[in-house]
Protein backbone atom coordinates (compact mmCIF):
# COMPACT_ATOMS: atom_id res chain seq x y z
CA UNK A 1 -36.40 3.12 -22.91
CA UNK A 2 -34.93 0.17 -20.48
CA UNK A 3 -37.30 0.31 -17.71
CA UNK A 4 -36.60 -1.61 -14.70
CA UNK A 5 -33.40 -3.13 -16.19
CA UNK A 6 -32.08 0.21 -17.24
CA UNK A 7 -30.04 0.79 -13.95
CA UNK A 8 -28.61 -3.54 -14.45
CA UNK A 9 -27.93 -2.39 -18.54
CA UNK A 10 -25.98 1.18 -17.65
CA UNK A 11 -24.02 -0.86 -14.43
CA UNK A 12 -22.85 -3.87 -16.79
CA UNK A 13 -21.75 -2.01 -19.35
CA UNK A 14 -20.23 0.85 -16.51
CA UNK A 15 -18.04 -2.41 -15.15
CA UNK A 16 -17.79 -4.41 -18.56
CA UNK A 17 -14.57 -1.70 -19.51
CA UNK A 18 -16.73 1.17 -20.89
CA UNK A 19 -17.41 3.92 -18.23
CA UNK A 20 -21.18 4.70 -17.84
CA UNK A 21 -22.49 7.45 -15.72
CA UNK A 22 -23.74 4.38 -13.51
CA UNK A 23 -24.11 6.85 -10.30
CA UNK A 24 -26.39 9.43 -12.43
CA UNK A 25 -28.21 6.83 -13.08
CA UNK A 26 -29.22 5.35 -10.13
CA UNK A 27 -29.98 8.37 -8.35
CA UNK A 28 -32.66 9.64 -11.13
CA UNK A 29 -34.17 6.26 -11.45
CA UNK A 30 -34.07 5.80 -7.04
CA UNK A 31 -35.26 9.77 -7.17
CA UNK A 32 -38.23 8.51 -10.16
CA UNK A 33 -39.30 5.72 -8.27
CA UNK A 34 -38.17 5.63 -4.63
CA UNK A 35 -40.34 2.46 -3.18
CA UNK A 36 -38.60 0.12 -5.90
CA UNK A 37 -34.79 2.00 -4.21
CA UNK A 38 -33.83 -1.68 -3.29
CA UNK A 39 -34.84 -2.84 -6.47
CA UNK A 40 -32.45 -0.22 -8.47
CA UNK A 41 -29.83 -1.08 -5.33
CA UNK A 42 -29.87 -4.95 -6.39
CA UNK A 43 -29.92 -4.97 -9.69
CA UNK A 44 -26.88 -2.01 -10.57
CA UNK A 45 -25.27 -4.44 -7.96
CA UNK A 46 -26.06 -7.31 -9.92
CA UNK A 47 -25.23 -6.35 -13.30
CA UNK A 48 -21.92 -4.04 -12.02
CA UNK A 49 -20.92 -7.94 -10.51
CA UNK A 50 -21.48 -9.74 -14.20
CA UNK A 51 -20.28 -6.91 -16.11
CA UNK A 52 -16.83 -7.24 -14.40
CA UNK A 53 -16.61 -10.92 -16.03
CA UNK A 54 -15.23 -9.74 -19.16
CA UNK A 55 -12.83 -7.71 -17.47
CA UNK A 56 -11.85 -10.80 -15.32
CA UNK A 57 -11.68 -13.00 -17.56
CA UNK A 58 -8.81 -11.11 -19.84
CA UNK A 59 -6.93 -10.60 -16.62
CA UNK A 60 -6.61 -14.08 -16.21
CA UNK A 61 -5.49 -14.50 -19.49
CA UNK A 62 -2.78 -12.19 -19.55
CA UNK A 63 -3.71 -9.38 -17.46
CA UNK A 64 -0.74 -9.05 -15.55
CA UNK A 65 1.22 -7.32 -18.79
CA UNK A 66 -1.77 -5.34 -19.10
CA UNK A 67 -1.56 -4.58 -15.48
CA UNK A 68 1.75 -3.48 -14.90
CA UNK A 69 2.08 -1.27 -18.00
CA UNK A 70 -1.06 0.64 -16.09
CA UNK A 71 0.53 1.06 -12.90
CA UNK A 72 3.65 1.25 -11.16
CA UNK A 73 5.96 -1.77 -10.03
CA UNK A 74 5.84 -0.56 -6.15
CA UNK A 75 1.83 -0.03 -6.77
CA UNK A 76 1.64 -3.58 -8.83
CA UNK A 77 3.66 -5.16 -5.52
CA UNK A 78 1.20 -3.84 -3.05
CA UNK A 79 -2.14 -4.93 -5.13
CA UNK A 80 -0.71 -8.60 -5.55
CA UNK A 81 -0.18 -8.51 -1.97
CA UNK A 82 -2.74 -6.80 -0.77
CA UNK A 83 -5.29 -10.27 -2.55
CA UNK A 84 -2.60 -12.66 -1.47
CA UNK A 85 -3.40 -11.64 2.54
CA UNK A 86 -6.97 -11.07 1.95
CA UNK A 87 -8.77 -11.03 -1.39
CA UNK A 88 -12.18 -10.79 -0.94
CA UNK A 89 -11.64 -7.00 1.31
CA UNK A 90 -8.85 -6.10 -1.12
CA UNK A 91 -11.87 -6.31 -3.62
CA UNK A 92 -14.52 -5.52 -1.76
CA UNK A 93 -13.48 -2.07 -0.18
CA UNK A 94 -12.31 -0.72 -3.59
CA UNK A 95 -15.66 -1.55 -5.18
CA UNK A 96 -17.30 0.66 -2.71
CA UNK A 97 -15.72 3.56 -3.69
CA UNK A 98 -17.54 5.61 -6.69
CA UNK A 99 -14.98 7.46 -9.17
CA UNK A 100 -12.33 9.13 -9.15
CA UNK A 101 -11.38 5.27 -7.25
CA UNK A 102 -9.47 3.37 -10.65
CA UNK A 103 -11.62 -0.08 -9.41
CA UNK A 104 -10.54 -2.06 -12.22
CA UNK A 105 -7.19 -2.33 -11.44
CA UNK A 106 -8.64 -4.26 -8.86
CA UNK A 107 -10.81 -6.19 -11.00
CA UNK A 108 -7.46 -7.20 -12.85
CA UNK A 109 -5.68 -7.61 -9.77
CA UNK A 110 -8.10 -10.11 -8.57
CA UNK A 111 -7.43 -11.99 -11.37
CA UNK A 112 -4.10 -12.30 -11.73
CA UNK A 113 -4.07 -13.34 -8.05
CA UNK A 114 -6.27 -16.09 -9.34
CA UNK A 115 -8.91 -15.00 -6.70
CA UNK A 116 -11.74 -18.11 -6.33
CA UNK A 117 -14.57 -16.96 -8.81
CA UNK A 118 -17.39 -17.21 -6.53
CA UNK A 119 -15.76 -14.98 -3.53
CA UNK A 120 -14.65 -12.35 -6.85
CA UNK A 121 -18.32 -12.15 -7.34
CA UNK A 122 -19.61 -11.73 -3.90
CA UNK A 123 -17.02 -9.26 -3.22
CA UNK A 124 -18.18 -6.97 -6.14
CA UNK A 125 -21.96 -7.68 -5.35
CA UNK A 126 -20.92 -6.56 -1.68
CA UNK A 127 -19.05 -3.70 -2.49
CA UNK A 128 -21.49 -2.17 -4.62
CA UNK A 129 -24.33 -3.08 -2.44
CA UNK A 130 -23.20 -1.26 0.19
CA UNK A 131 -22.52 1.92 -2.45
CA UNK A 132 -25.05 2.07 -3.87
CA UNK A 133 -27.58 1.67 -1.32
CA UNK A 134 -25.83 4.60 0.60
CA UNK A 135 -26.47 6.45 -2.55
CA UNK A 136 -30.00 5.94 -2.68
CA UNK A 137 -30.61 6.87 0.76
CA UNK A 138 -28.94 9.88 0.11
CA UNK A 139 -30.68 10.42 -3.33
CA UNK A 140 -33.95 10.14 -0.60
CA UNK A 141 -32.99 12.28 1.66
CA UNK A 142 -31.47 15.12 -0.82
CA UNK A 143 -32.18 14.39 -4.15
CA UNK A 144 -30.18 13.51 -7.21
CA UNK A 145 -28.07 16.69 -7.65
CA UNK A 146 -26.12 14.68 -4.31
CA UNK A 147 -24.29 13.08 -6.79
CA UNK A 148 -22.69 16.00 -8.34
CA UNK A 149 -22.15 17.38 -5.40
CA UNK A 150 -20.23 14.29 -3.73
CA UNK A 151 -18.12 14.21 -7.21
CA UNK A 152 -17.00 17.23 -6.91
CA UNK A 153 -16.64 16.70 -2.63
CA UNK A 154 -14.30 13.59 -3.40
CA UNK A 155 -12.41 14.47 -6.31
CA UNK A 156 -11.49 17.91 -4.64
CA UNK A 157 -10.65 15.84 -1.35
CA UNK A 158 -10.24 12.70 -1.95
CA UNK A 159 -7.21 12.54 0.62
CA UNK A 160 -9.61 13.77 3.64
CA UNK A 161 -12.09 11.26 2.71
CA UNK A 162 -10.16 8.29 2.27
CA UNK A 163 -8.32 9.10 5.42
CA UNK A 164 -11.99 9.30 7.44
CA UNK A 165 -12.39 6.38 6.01
CA UNK A 166 -9.90 4.26 6.98
CA UNK A 167 -10.27 6.18 10.62
CA UNK A 168 -14.16 4.99 10.98
CA UNK A 169 -13.44 2.26 10.03
CA UNK A 170 -10.28 1.36 12.80
CA UNK A 171 -12.56 2.70 14.93
CA UNK A 172 -15.30 -0.09 13.80
CA UNK A 173 -12.81 -2.93 13.79
CA UNK A 174 -11.52 -1.62 17.65
CA UNK A 175 -14.96 -1.20 18.61
CA UNK A 176 -15.88 -5.44 17.60
CA UNK A 177 -12.80 -6.78 18.42
CA UNK A 178 -13.05 -5.34 22.41
CA UNK A 179 -16.62 -7.01 21.97
CA UNK A 180 -15.35 -9.75 21.12
CA UNK A 181 -12.64 -9.63 24.27
CA UNK A 182 -15.78 -9.16 26.82
CA UNK A 183 -17.64 -11.64 25.72
CA UNK A 184 -14.91 -14.36 25.82
CA UNK A 185 -15.55 -15.92 29.38
CA UNK A 186 -12.45 -15.21 31.36
CA UNK A 187 -10.57 -18.08 33.51
CA UNK A 188 -11.16 -19.11 36.73
CA UNK A 189 -8.39 -18.90 39.68
CA UNK A 190 -9.49 -23.17 38.73
CA UNK A 191 -8.28 -23.37 35.09
CA UNK A 192 -5.09 -21.18 35.59
């Protein structure tokens, strides 16, 4: 019915407060049109980023009240602190995870923290590109039923999945830091 733009429309609607089964839709499109999987990844990511604009506006205008009603004071302060310290990453990392990650709370947090609008859109687009690209690869390899399997796995073992991702991220950061330190010129005896 919507053709190639279907993933864009569903991702937009999902991000604009409606909550749609966007992962299943993207997986179906990718599986049916394998050669265009990158197009679907980009369209779904763009739809998700642009669909977050209404929630950003709501959060910017009066979102602190809305967010405080939905989360505890401790969680609110934690979200606020993370945006003060690393606003781009504070939005990008949660954006990479599928439901049940409460991503809309982080969108509200970005708006309340008055995150730069361009950085806001870029963080969501980049996060969704990672999420939908991984989904597309899994779909191409395992078929669209991977969406249901992965959803059940994440729901049942959310903390283990998050712990595994944190450990993988930490290892990647340590490897990057080590390479960066090795590439720095070592001080010579004359420069000491």
